[in-house]
Amino acid sequence: MSPPGLRQPPPLGTSALSAGTYDGSVVIVTGGGTGLGKAIATEFGRLGASVGILSRNEQHRAAGVVAVEEAGGRAMAAPCDIRDPDAIATAFDAVESELGPIDILVNNAAGNFPVPAEDMSPNAWRTVVDIVLNGTFLCSRDLARRLIPAERDGAIVNVGASYAWTGGPGFAHSAAAKAGVKNLTETLAVEWAPYGIRVNGLVPGLMPHEDETAAIAAVPGKYEGQDSRVPAGRVGFPRELAWAATYLCSPYATYISGDSLVVDGANWQRRHTVQPPFTPVRQQLNRPPFGELAQPASSATPAKGSN
C-alpha cells in the first residue's frame, strides 16, 4: 500500500489571505490569460486587486479578464510583446490610465518547446531567451522606473523553473534563460531594496492545466502516472502557485526579497540511491538520429507559453 503523500489543498475559490488584502492595488500579470498566469491573476482579483492582463493574443487577454471578473475582481487587458520595450511602456501606460499606478508585477510570460540542442536553430534560441530573460528584465525595469521617482514601493515576482538549478536537457534555451531569471531576481532584489521594491522568484512544479501548449503536451509519456512522479504523491494545482504569488507580494512578506519559492511537492530535490538507466534526450522525444533528419528543427516556433 502506498503512503498517502501530501494532503489535498483547500478547494478552488478559497484564498490564503484575508479578503480585501489587495484592495486599491494594481497588479500586472504578463501572460495572465492562460494557465498558471491566469490562476495568479484570478487570485489577485479575488483579493481585491485591479489586474492588468498583458499578452500578445487577443483571445488569451479576453479569457484572463473574464476569469478575474468572475472571481469578483476588476480587470483590463493590453496587447504587449514583452520583447519590445516600447510595447511594454505603451501597455503599462494603458494599465495606469485605466486602473491607476502599478504596484505589483508578475513576470509570468514565457515561450518554450522541447528540442535537442543540436536541432535548435539560432532563431529558436533567441526567441525563447528574448521572451523569458529579456522580457522579464524589460518589464521589471519599466516598473522600477515608475516606482523609484514617485518614491512608491512595489513587488515583483518572476516565475522561474527548477531546471535553472539542475540544467534542463531537451530545454537548453529555456533552462539557460530561467537560470538568468533566477540571477536577475537576486541582483535586482539587492539593487532595488533601498527603494522599497521587493523582487522574488516563484518556481512551479508539475501543475497540469487546460492551457498546456501542444508542444509540451506532445512529450511522450507526459500524462502517464503523473502523481507517482512526485514525492508528494500528487501533482500540484494552479491555485497553489497563485496562493504563493499573492503571499510573496503581500504585507506579510515585506522582509522577503531575493528568494525563490519552489512550489513542487519536494520534486526537484529528489535523487535515486541507484540511478535508473539513462535515456538520451533524442530517445525521450522519439526523434531519429541527428543525421537522419531531413533538416534540423531550425524553424520551430517556440510554443506560446504564457506570453
C-alpha atoms as a PDB file:
ATOM      1  CA  MET A   1       0.000   0.000   0.000  1.00  0.00           C
ATOM      2  CA  SER A   2       1.399   3.388  -0.992  1.00  0.00           C
ATOM      3  CA  PRO A   3       1.771   6.081   1.704  1.00  0.00           C
ATOM      4  CA  PRO A   4      -0.799   8.878   1.496  1.00  0.00           C
ATOM      5  CA  GLY A   5       1.587  11.655   0.487  1.00  0.00           C
ATOM      6  CA  LEU A   6       0.802  15.327   0.987  1.00  0.00           C
ATOM      7  CA  ARG A   7      -2.800  16.301   1.619  1.00  0.00           C
ATOM      8  CA  GLN A   8      -5.012  17.967  -0.948  1.00  0.00           C
ATOM      9  CA  PRO A   9      -5.216  21.784  -0.898  1.00  0.00           C
ATOM     10  CA  PRO A  10      -8.317  23.760   0.077  1.00  0.00           C
ATOM     11  CA  PRO A  11     -10.914  23.916  -2.685  1.00  0.00           C
ATOM     12  CA  LEU A  12     -10.838  26.207  -5.697  1.00  0.00           C
ATOM     13  CA  GLY A  13     -12.160  29.642  -4.831  1.00  0.00           C
ATOM     14  CA  THR A  14     -10.649  29.821  -1.347  1.00  0.00           C
ATOM     15  CA  SER A  15      -7.822  32.234  -0.532  1.00  0.00           C
ATOM     16  CA  ALA A  16      -4.777  32.039   1.684  1.00  0.00           C
ATOM     17  CA  LEU A  17      -5.007  35.738   2.597  1.00  0.00           C
ATOM     18  CA  SER A  18      -7.784  37.846   4.044  1.00  0.00           C
ATOM     19  CA  ALA A  19     -10.436  39.239   1.734  1.00  0.00           C
ATOM     20  CA  GLY A  20      -9.501  42.755   0.671  1.00  0.00           C
ATOM     21  CA  THR A  21      -5.757  42.246   1.149  1.00  0.00           C
ATOM     22  CA  TYR A  22      -5.159  43.901  -2.225  1.00  0.00           C
ATOM     23  CA  ASP A  23      -7.913  46.487  -2.178  1.00  0.00           C
ATOM     24  CA  GLY A  24      -6.611  49.551  -4.014  1.00  0.00           C
ATOM     25  CA  SER A  25      -3.627  47.709  -5.528  1.00  0.00           C
ATOM     26  CA  VAL A  26      -2.893  47.440  -9.239  1.00  0.00           C
ATOM     27  CA  VAL A  27      -1.241  44.262 -10.488  1.00  0.00           C
ATOM     28  CA  ILE A  28       0.124  43.398 -13.922  1.00  0.00           C
ATOM     29  CA  VAL A  29       0.398  39.735 -14.894  1.00  0.00           C
ATOM     30  CA  THR A  30       2.186  39.071 -18.164  1.00  0.00           C
ATOM     31  CA  GLY A  31       0.738  36.054 -19.885  1.00  0.00           C
ATOM     32  CA  GLY A  32      -2.167  36.357 -17.461  1.00  0.00           C
ATOM     33  CA  GLY A  33      -4.773  34.918 -19.803  1.00  0.00           C
ATOM     34  CA  THR A  34      -3.795  31.252 -19.745  1.00  0.00           C
ATOM     35  CA  GLY A  35      -2.681  28.511 -17.392  1.00  0.00           C
ATOM     36  CA  LEU A  36      -0.700  29.425 -14.309  1.00  0.00           C
ATOM     37  CA  GLY A  37      -0.704  33.123 -15.175  1.00  0.00           C
ATOM     38  CA  LYS A  38      -4.488  33.153 -15.330  1.00  0.00           C
ATOM     39  CA  ALA A  39      -4.672  31.410 -11.942  1.00  0.00           C
ATOM     40  CA  ILE A  40      -2.365  34.037 -10.433  1.00  0.00           C
ATOM     41  CA  ALA A  41      -4.278  36.939 -11.978  1.00  0.00           C
ATOM     42  CA  THR A  42      -7.562  35.477 -10.763  1.00  0.00           C
ATOM     43  CA  GLU A  43      -6.354  35.137  -7.183  1.00  0.00           C
ATOM     44  CA  PHE A  44      -5.120  38.722  -7.064  1.00  0.00           C
ATOM     45  CA  GLY A  45      -8.522  39.821  -8.338  1.00  0.00           C
ATOM     46  CA  ARG A  46     -10.296  37.698  -5.749  1.00  0.00           C
ATOM     47  CA  LEU A  47      -8.329  39.514  -3.048  1.00  0.00           C
ATOM     48  CA  GLY A  48      -9.361  42.953  -4.290  1.00  0.00           C
ATOM     49  CA  ALA A  49      -6.660  43.937  -6.769  1.00  0.00           C
ATOM     50  CA  SER A  50      -7.289  45.588 -10.113  1.00  0.00           C
ATOM     51  CA  VAL A  51      -5.460  43.412 -12.631  1.00  0.00           C
ATOM     52  CA  GLY A  52      -3.882  44.238 -15.978  1.00  0.00           C
ATOM     53  CA  ILE A  53      -3.626  41.206 -18.281  1.00  0.00           C
ATOM     54  CA  LEU A  54      -0.801  41.510 -20.819  1.00  0.00           C
ATOM     55  CA  SER A  55      -0.487  39.139 -23.767  1.00  0.00           C
ATOM     56  CA  ARG A  56       0.094  39.139 -27.500  1.00  0.00           C
ATOM     57  CA  ASN A  57      -3.003  37.017 -28.031  1.00  0.00           C
ATOM     58  CA  GLU A  58      -6.393  38.737 -28.010  1.00  0.00           C
ATOM     59  CA  GLN A  59      -8.296  35.592 -27.008  1.00  0.00           C
ATOM     60  CA  HIS A  60      -5.944  34.980 -24.116  1.00  0.00           C
ATOM     61  CA  ARG A  61      -6.333  38.552 -22.919  1.00  0.00           C
ATOM     62  CA  ALA A  62     -10.104  38.234 -23.005  1.00  0.00           C
ATOM     63  CA  ALA A  63     -10.016  34.947 -21.112  1.00  0.00           C
ATOM     64  CA  GLY A  64      -7.881  36.492 -18.383  1.00  0.00           C
ATOM     65  CA  VAL A  65     -10.242  39.414 -17.935  1.00  0.00           C
ATOM     66  CA  VAL A  66     -13.252  37.102 -17.707  1.00  0.00           C
ATOM     67  CA  ALA A  67     -11.527  34.906 -15.100  1.00  0.00           C
ATOM     68  CA  VAL A  68     -10.634  37.864 -12.889  1.00  0.00           C
ATOM     69  CA  GLU A  69     -14.078  39.405 -13.161  1.00  0.00           C
ATOM     70  CA  GLU A  70     -15.786  36.103 -12.374  1.00  0.00           C
ATOM     71  CA  ALA A  71     -13.734  35.990  -9.170  1.00  0.00           C
ATOM     72  CA  GLY A  72     -15.065  39.411  -8.217  1.00  0.00           C
ATOM     73  CA  GLY A  73     -12.083  41.494  -9.304  1.00  0.00           C
ATOM     74  CA  ARG A  74     -11.617  44.323 -11.757  1.00  0.00           C
ATOM     75  CA  ALA A  75      -9.523  43.699 -14.858  1.00  0.00           C
ATOM     76  CA  MET A  76      -8.457  45.154 -18.162  1.00  0.00           C
ATOM     77  CA  ALA A  77      -6.223  43.841 -20.930  1.00  0.00           C
ATOM     78  CA  ALA A  78      -3.499  45.357 -23.063  1.00  0.00           C
ATOM     79  CA  PRO A  79      -1.663  43.859 -26.033  1.00  0.00           C
ATOM     80  CA  CYS A  80       2.046  43.526 -25.391  1.00  0.00           C
ATOM     81  CA  ASP A  81       5.089  41.806 -26.834  1.00  0.00           C
ATOM     82  CA  ILE A  82       7.420  41.781 -23.836  1.00  0.00           C
ATOM     83  CA  ARG A  83      10.459  41.610 -26.117  1.00  0.00           C
ATOM     84  CA  ASP A  84       9.775  45.207 -27.156  1.00  0.00           C
ATOM     85  CA  PRO A  85      10.474  47.914 -24.562  1.00  0.00           C
ATOM     86  CA  ASP A  86       8.276  50.430 -26.378  1.00  0.00           C
ATOM     87  CA  ALA A  87       5.373  47.975 -26.396  1.00  0.00           C
ATOM     88  CA  ILE A  88       5.880  47.390 -22.677  1.00  0.00           C
ATOM     89  CA  ALA A  89       5.795  51.124 -21.946  1.00  0.00           C
ATOM     90  CA  THR A  90       2.640  51.524 -24.010  1.00  0.00           C
ATOM     91  CA  ALA A  91       0.918  48.623 -22.238  1.00  0.00           C
ATOM     92  CA  PHE A  92       1.948  49.821 -18.785  1.00  0.00           C
ATOM     93  CA  ASP A  93       0.704  53.318 -19.650  1.00  0.00           C
ATOM     94  CA  ALA A  94      -2.637  51.831 -20.694  1.00  0.00           C
ATOM     95  CA  VAL A  95      -2.960  49.927 -17.418  1.00  0.00           C
ATOM     96  CA  GLU A  96      -2.132  53.005 -15.363  1.00  0.00           C
ATOM     97  CA  SER A  97      -4.525  55.153 -17.374  1.00  0.00           C
ATOM     98  CA  GLU A  98      -7.442  52.813 -16.653  1.00  0.00           C
ATOM     99  CA  LEU A  99      -6.595  51.218 -13.298  1.00  0.00           C
ATOM    100  CA  GLY A 100      -4.119  53.577 -11.634  1.00  0.00           C
ATOM    101  CA  PRO A 101      -0.422  53.385 -10.681  1.00  0.00           C
ATOM    102  CA  ILE A 102       1.036  49.888 -10.831  1.00  0.00           C
ATOM    103  CA  ASP A 103       2.095  48.321  -7.536  1.00  0.00           C
ATOM    104  CA  ILE A 104       2.898  44.733  -8.441  1.00  0.00           C
ATOM    105  CA  LEU A 105       4.301  42.920 -11.475  1.00  0.00           C
ATOM    106  CA  VAL A 106       4.187  39.175 -12.084  1.00  0.00           C
ATOM    107  CA  ASN A 107       6.576  38.224 -14.890  1.00  0.00           C
ATOM    108  CA  ASN A 108       4.878  35.039 -15.987  1.00  0.00           C
ATOM    109  CA  ALA A 109       5.003  35.199 -19.800  1.00  0.00           C
ATOM    110  CA  ALA A 110       7.223  32.567 -21.379  1.00  0.00           C
ATOM    111  CA  GLY A 111       7.944  30.636 -24.547  1.00  0.00           C
ATOM    112  CA  ASN A 112       9.142  27.052 -24.622  1.00  0.00           C
ATOM    113  CA  PHE A 113       9.188  23.798 -26.558  1.00  0.00           C
ATOM    114  CA  PRO A 114      11.245  20.593 -26.228  1.00  0.00           C
ATOM    115  CA  VAL A 115      14.084  20.110 -28.696  1.00  0.00           C
ATOM    116  CA  PRO A 116      17.583  18.567 -28.586  1.00  0.00           C
ATOM    117  CA  ALA A 117      20.190  21.311 -28.583  1.00  0.00           C
ATOM    118  CA  GLU A 118      21.774  20.121 -31.830  1.00  0.00           C
ATOM    119  CA  ASP A 119      18.423  20.558 -33.604  1.00  0.00           C
ATOM    120  CA  MET A 120      17.788  24.051 -32.256  1.00  0.00           C
ATOM    121  CA  SER A 121      18.036  26.982 -34.643  1.00  0.00           C
ATOM    122  CA  PRO A 122      19.603  30.290 -33.653  1.00  0.00           C
ATOM    123  CA  ASN A 123      16.193  31.903 -34.067  1.00  0.00           C
ATOM    124  CA  ALA A 124      14.529  29.426 -31.690  1.00  0.00           C
ATOM    125  CA  TRP A 125      17.265  30.061 -29.112  1.00  0.00           C
ATOM    126  CA  ARG A 126      16.993  33.839 -29.442  1.00  0.00           C
ATOM    127  CA  THR A 127      13.208  33.853 -29.289  1.00  0.00           C
ATOM    128  CA  VAL A 128      12.929  31.870 -26.052  1.00  0.00           C
ATOM    129  CA  VAL A 129      15.763  33.761 -24.353  1.00  0.00           C
ATOM    130  CA  ASP A 130      14.304  37.054 -25.567  1.00  0.00           C
ATOM    131  CA  ILE A 131      10.871  36.319 -24.114  1.00  0.00           C
ATOM    132  CA  VAL A 132      11.917  34.618 -20.879  1.00  0.00           C
ATOM    133  CA  LEU A 133      15.003  36.566 -19.822  1.00  0.00           C
ATOM    134  CA  ASN A 134      14.975  39.837 -21.729  1.00  0.00           C
ATOM    135  CA  GLY A 135      11.221  40.253 -21.343  1.00  0.00           C
ATOM    136  CA  THR A 136      11.447  39.730 -17.598  1.00  0.00           C
ATOM    137  CA  PHE A 137      14.174  42.352 -17.327  1.00  0.00           C
ATOM    138  CA  LEU A 138      12.474  44.887 -19.562  1.00  0.00           C
ATOM    139  CA  CYS A 139       9.141  44.643 -17.734  1.00  0.00           C
ATOM    140  CA  SER A 140      10.859  44.854 -14.345  1.00  0.00           C
ATOM    141  CA  ARG A 141      12.913  47.850 -15.429  1.00  0.00           C
ATOM    142  CA  ASP A 142       9.845  49.667 -16.683  1.00  0.00           C
ATOM    143  CA  LEU A 143       8.031  49.228 -13.383  1.00  0.00           C
ATOM    144  CA  ALA A 144      11.072  50.305 -11.355  1.00  0.00           C
ATOM    145  CA  ARG A 145      11.390  53.451 -13.479  1.00  0.00           C
ATOM    146  CA  ARG A 146       7.835  54.327 -12.498  1.00  0.00           C
ATOM    147  CA  LEU A 147       8.111  53.474  -8.813  1.00  0.00           C
ATOM    148  CA  ILE A 148      11.511  54.986  -7.957  1.00  0.00           C
ATOM    149  CA  PRO A 149      10.896  58.634  -8.994  1.00  0.00           C
ATOM    150  CA  ALA A 150       7.471  58.523  -7.339  1.00  0.00           C
ATOM    151  CA  GLU A 151       9.007  57.114  -4.130  1.00  0.00           C
ATOM    152  CA  ARG A 152       6.493  54.290  -4.150  1.00  0.00           C
ATOM    153  CA  ASP A 153       7.270  50.767  -3.017  1.00  0.00           C
ATOM    154  CA  GLY A 154       6.291  47.707  -5.001  1.00  0.00           C
ATOM    155  CA  ALA A 155       6.771  43.987  -5.531  1.00  0.00           C
ATOM    156  CA  ILE A 156       7.870  41.871  -8.469  1.00  0.00           C
ATOM    157  CA  VAL A 157       7.506  38.107  -8.810  1.00  0.00           C
ATOM    158  CA  ASN A 158       9.387  36.306 -11.583  1.00  0.00           C
ATOM    159  CA  VAL A 159       8.074  32.872 -12.492  1.00  0.00           C
ATOM    160  CA  GLY A 160      11.063  30.569 -12.802  1.00  0.00           C
ATOM    161  CA  ALA A 161      11.799  26.871 -13.247  1.00  0.00           C
ATOM    162  CA  SER A 162      13.717  24.343 -11.168  1.00  0.00           C
ATOM    163  CA  TYR A 163      15.969  23.446 -14.081  1.00  0.00           C
ATOM    164  CA  ALA A 164      17.598  26.830 -13.508  1.00  0.00           C
ATOM    165  CA  TRP A 165      19.491  24.910 -10.773  1.00  0.00           C
ATOM    166  CA  THR A 166      19.781  21.496 -12.378  1.00  0.00           C
ATOM    167  CA  GLY A 167      20.019  22.089 -16.105  1.00  0.00           C
ATOM    168  CA  GLY A 168      17.248  21.079 -18.477  1.00  0.00           C
ATOM    169  CA  PRO A 169      18.171  18.533 -21.158  1.00  0.00           C
ATOM    170  CA  GLY A 170      15.782  18.995 -24.052  1.00  0.00           C
ATOM    171  CA  PHE A 171      15.126  22.575 -22.976  1.00  0.00           C
ATOM    172  CA  ALA A 172      18.537  24.219 -23.242  1.00  0.00           C
ATOM    173  CA  HIS A 173      17.070  27.561 -24.345  1.00  0.00           C
ATOM    174  CA  SER A 174      14.503  27.793 -21.562  1.00  0.00           C
ATOM    175  CA  ALA A 175      16.775  26.355 -18.867  1.00  0.00           C
ATOM    176  CA  ALA A 176      19.525  28.863 -19.643  1.00  0.00           C
ATOM    177  CA  ALA A 177      17.021  31.722 -19.719  1.00  0.00           C
ATOM    178  CA  LYS A 178      15.411  30.667 -16.428  1.00  0.00           C
ATOM    179  CA  ALA A 179      18.865  30.456 -14.822  1.00  0.00           C
ATOM    180  CA  GLY A 180      19.318  34.051 -15.941  1.00  0.00           C
ATOM    181  CA  VAL A 181      15.960  34.972 -14.436  1.00  0.00           C
ATOM    182  CA  LYS A 182      17.000  33.471 -11.095  1.00  0.00           C
ATOM    183  CA  ASN A 183      20.213  35.510 -11.067  1.00  0.00           C
ATOM    184  CA  LEU A 184      18.347  38.609 -12.233  1.00  0.00           C
ATOM    185  CA  THR A 185      15.868  38.175  -9.383  1.00  0.00           C
ATOM    186  CA  GLU A 186      18.670  38.079  -6.823  1.00  0.00           C
ATOM    187  CA  THR A 187      20.508  41.001  -8.399  1.00  0.00           C
ATOM    188  CA  LEU A 188      17.502  43.304  -8.657  1.00  0.00           C
ATOM    189  CA  ALA A 189      16.417  42.431  -5.122  1.00  0.00           C
ATOM    190  CA  VAL A 190      19.656  43.928  -3.818  1.00  0.00           C
ATOM    191  CA  GLU A 191      19.677  46.920  -6.150  1.00  0.00           C
ATOM    192  CA  TRP A 192      16.073  47.912  -5.560  1.00  0.00           C
ATOM    193  CA  ALA A 193      15.567  47.108  -1.877  1.00  0.00           C
ATOM    194  CA  PRO A 194      16.683  50.653  -0.906  1.00  0.00           C
ATOM    195  CA  TYR A 195      13.731  51.938  -2.957  1.00  0.00           C
ATOM    196  CA  GLY A 196      11.259  49.622  -1.247  1.00  0.00           C
ATOM    197  CA  ILE A 197      10.909  47.305  -4.240  1.00  0.00           C
ATOM    198  CA  ARG A 198      10.952  43.599  -3.461  1.00  0.00           C
ATOM    199  CA  VAL A 199      11.863  41.037  -6.145  1.00  0.00           C
ATOM    200  CA  ASN A 200      11.266  37.321  -5.682  1.00  0.00           C
ATOM    201  CA  GLY A 201      11.097  34.174  -7.763  1.00  0.00           C
ATOM    202  CA  LEU A 202       8.306  31.625  -7.859  1.00  0.00           C
ATOM    203  CA  VAL A 203       9.041  28.144  -9.202  1.00  0.00           C
ATOM    204  CA  PRO A 204       6.119  25.877 -10.129  1.00  0.00           C
ATOM    205  CA  GLY A 205       6.292  22.120 -10.101  1.00  0.00           C
ATOM    206  CA  LEU A 206       4.166  19.685 -12.057  1.00  0.00           C
ATOM    207  CA  MET A 207       0.819  21.504 -12.322  1.00  0.00           C
ATOM    208  CA  PRO A 208      -1.281  20.249 -15.232  1.00  0.00           C
ATOM    209  CA  HIS A 209      -3.783  22.699 -16.673  1.00  0.00           C
ATOM    210  CA  GLU A 210      -6.006  23.018 -19.714  1.00  0.00           C
ATOM    211  CA  ASP A 211      -3.795  25.575 -21.432  1.00  0.00           C
ATOM    212  CA  GLU A 212      -0.648  23.486 -21.754  1.00  0.00           C
ATOM    213  CA  THR A 213       0.854  24.001 -25.196  1.00  0.00           C
ATOM    214  CA  ALA A 214       0.665  21.340 -27.876  1.00  0.00           C
ATOM    215  CA  ALA A 215       4.458  21.059 -27.972  1.00  0.00           C
ATOM    216  CA  ILE A 216       4.684  20.368 -24.241  1.00  0.00           C
ATOM    217  CA  ALA A 217       1.625  18.106 -24.194  1.00  0.00           C
ATOM    218  CA  ALA A 218       3.099  16.039 -27.029  1.00  0.00           C
ATOM    219  CA  VAL A 219       6.149  14.937 -24.998  1.00  0.00           C
ATOM    220  CA  PRO A 220       5.923  11.128 -24.957  1.00  0.00           C
ATOM    221  CA  GLY A 221       4.536   9.794 -21.681  1.00  0.00           C
ATOM    222  CA  LYS A 222       3.812  13.274 -20.356  1.00  0.00           C
ATOM    223  CA  TYR A 223       0.462  12.399 -18.758  1.00  0.00           C
ATOM    224  CA  GLU A 224       1.193   8.840 -17.670  1.00  0.00           C
ATOM    225  CA  GLY A 225       1.294   8.298 -13.913  1.00  0.00           C
ATOM    226  CA  GLN A 226       1.955  11.936 -13.080  1.00  0.00           C
ATOM    227  CA  ASP A 227       1.058  11.601  -9.401  1.00  0.00           C
ATOM    228  CA  SER A 228       3.622   8.839  -8.954  1.00  0.00           C
ATOM    229  CA  ARG A 229       6.432  11.092 -10.195  1.00  0.00           C
ATOM    230  CA  VAL A 230       6.244  13.444  -7.223  1.00  0.00           C
ATOM    231  CA  PRO A 231       7.329  12.709  -3.630  1.00  0.00           C
ATOM    232  CA  ALA A 232       4.093  14.390  -2.541  1.00  0.00           C
ATOM    233  CA  GLY A 233       2.131  11.601  -4.209  1.00  0.00           C
ATOM    234  CA  ARG A 234       0.171  14.065  -6.301  1.00  0.00           C
ATOM    235  CA  VAL A 235       0.570  16.842  -8.818  1.00  0.00           C
ATOM    236  CA  GLY A 236       0.055  20.455  -7.850  1.00  0.00           C
ATOM    237  CA  PHE A 237      -2.870  22.734  -8.629  1.00  0.00           C
ATOM    238  CA  PRO A 238      -2.551  26.162 -10.279  1.00  0.00           C
ATOM    239  CA  ARG A 239      -4.294  27.758  -7.301  1.00  0.00           C
ATOM    240  CA  GLU A 240      -1.425  26.614  -5.069  1.00  0.00           C
ATOM    241  CA  LEU A 241       1.001  28.672  -7.139  1.00  0.00           C
ATOM    242  CA  ALA A 242      -1.443  31.589  -7.060  1.00  0.00           C
ATOM    243  CA  TRP A 243      -1.612  31.486  -3.250  1.00  0.00           C
ATOM    244  CA  ALA A 244       2.183  31.590  -3.132  1.00  0.00           C
ATOM    245  CA  ALA A 245       2.315  34.556  -5.526  1.00  0.00           C
ATOM    246  CA  THR A 246      -0.184  36.584  -3.529  1.00  0.00           C
ATOM    247  CA  TYR A 247       1.697  35.831  -0.323  1.00  0.00           C
ATOM    248  CA  LEU A 248       5.066  36.926  -1.732  1.00  0.00           C
ATOM    249  CA  CYS A 249       3.624  40.292  -2.785  1.00  0.00           C
ATOM    250  CA  SER A 250       1.628  40.822   0.398  1.00  0.00           C
ATOM    251  CA  PRO A 251       2.301  42.931   3.507  1.00  0.00           C
ATOM    252  CA  TYR A 252       3.061  39.658   5.299  1.00  0.00           C
ATOM    253  CA  ALA A 253       6.192  39.109   3.213  1.00  0.00           C
ATOM    254  CA  THR A 254       7.768  42.558   3.352  1.00  0.00           C
ATOM    255  CA  TYR A 255      11.107  41.169   4.610  1.00  0.00           C
ATOM    256  CA  ILE A 256      11.339  38.555   1.873  1.00  0.00           C
ATOM    257  CA  SER A 257      13.288  39.608  -1.204  1.00  0.00           C
ATOM    258  CA  GLY A 258      15.744  37.846  -3.462  1.00  0.00           C
ATOM    259  CA  ASP A 259      14.257  34.448  -2.681  1.00  0.00           C
ATOM    260  CA  SER A 260      12.936  31.743  -4.998  1.00  0.00           C
ATOM    261  CA  LEU A 261       9.958  29.903  -3.549  1.00  0.00           C
ATOM    262  CA  VAL A 262       9.550  26.438  -5.041  1.00  0.00           C
ATOM    263  CA  VAL A 263       6.018  25.017  -5.094  1.00  0.00           C
ATOM    264  CA  ASP A 264       6.563  21.452  -6.320  1.00  0.00           C
ATOM    265  CA  GLY A 265       5.993  18.897  -3.555  1.00  0.00           C
ATOM    266  CA  ALA A 266       9.761  18.421  -2.998  1.00  0.00           C
ATOM    267  CA  ASN A 267      10.142  17.093  -6.520  1.00  0.00           C
ATOM    268  CA  TRP A 268      13.251  18.872  -7.741  1.00  0.00           C
ATOM    269  CA  GLN A 269      15.369  17.746  -4.772  1.00  0.00           C
ATOM    270  CA  ARG A 270      14.679  14.047  -5.176  1.00  0.00           C
ATOM    271  CA  ARG A 271      17.513  11.667  -6.011  1.00  0.00           C
ATOM    272  CA  HIS A 272      17.710   7.921  -6.606  1.00  0.00           C
ATOM    273  CA  THR A 273      20.021   5.878  -4.418  1.00  0.00           C
ATOM    274  CA  VAL A 274      20.782   3.960  -7.598  1.00  0.00           C
ATOM    275  CA  GLN A 275      20.042   5.983 -10.699  1.00  0.00           C
ATOM    276  CA  PRO A 276      17.719   4.410 -13.295  1.00  0.00           C
ATOM    277  CA  PRO A 277      19.158   3.678 -16.750  1.00  0.00           C
ATOM    278  CA  PHE A 278      19.995   6.844 -18.671  1.00  0.00           C
ATOM    279  CA  THR A 279      17.844   7.721 -21.674  1.00  0.00           C
ATOM    280  CA  PRO A 280      19.265  10.297 -24.136  1.00  0.00           C
ATOM    281  CA  VAL A 281      17.066  13.262 -24.940  1.00  0.00           C
ATOM    282  CA  ARG A 282      16.564  12.286 -28.584  1.00  0.00           C
ATOM    283  CA  GLN A 283      15.222   8.928 -27.470  1.00  0.00           C
ATOM    284  CA  GLN A 284      12.954  10.539 -24.865  1.00  0.00           C
ATOM    285  CA  LEU A 285      11.453  12.752 -27.573  1.00  0.00           C
ATOM    286  CA  ASN A 286      11.212   9.887 -30.127  1.00  0.00           C
ATOM    287  CA  ARG A 287      13.479  11.726 -32.549  1.00  0.00           C
ATOM    288  CA  PRO A 288      15.569   9.930 -35.161  1.00  0.00           C
ATOM    289  CA  PRO A 289      19.361  10.198 -35.090  1.00  0.00           C
ATOM    290  CA  PHE A 290      20.517  13.695 -35.969  1.00  0.00           C
ATOM    291  CA  GLY A 291      21.993  12.724 -39.327  1.00  0.00           C
ATOM    292  CA  GLU A 292      18.715  11.179 -40.462  1.00  0.00           C
ATOM    293  CA  LEU A 293      16.722  14.400 -40.154  1.00  0.00           C
ATOM    294  CA  ALA A 294      15.695  15.990 -43.420  1.00  0.00           C
ATOM    295  CA  GLN A 295      16.523  19.262 -41.737  1.00  0.00           C
ATOM    296  CA  PRO A 296      17.117  20.273 -38.140  1.00  0.00           C
ATOM    297  CA  ALA A 297      14.225  21.777 -36.201  1.00  0.00           C
ATOM    298  CA  SER A 298      15.705  25.142 -37.061  1.00  0.00           C
ATOM    299  CA  SER A 299      12.460  26.816 -37.971  1.00  0.00           C
ATOM    300  CA  ALA A 300      10.495  25.564 -34.976  1.00  0.00           C
ATOM    301  CA  THR A 301       8.458  28.323 -33.425  1.00  0.00           C
ATOM    302  CA  PRO A 302       8.548  28.389 -29.643  1.00  0.00           C
ATOM    303  CA  ALA A 303       5.271  27.435 -28.059  1.00  0.00           C
ATOM    304  CA  LYS A 304       3.284  30.399 -26.840  1.00  0.00           C
ATOM    305  CA  GLY A 305       3.878  29.506 -23.206  1.00  0.00           C
ATOM    306  CA  SER A 306       2.108  32.240 -21.306  1.00  0.00           C
ATOM    307  CA  ASN A 307       3.001  35.202 -23.463  1.00  0.00           C
END
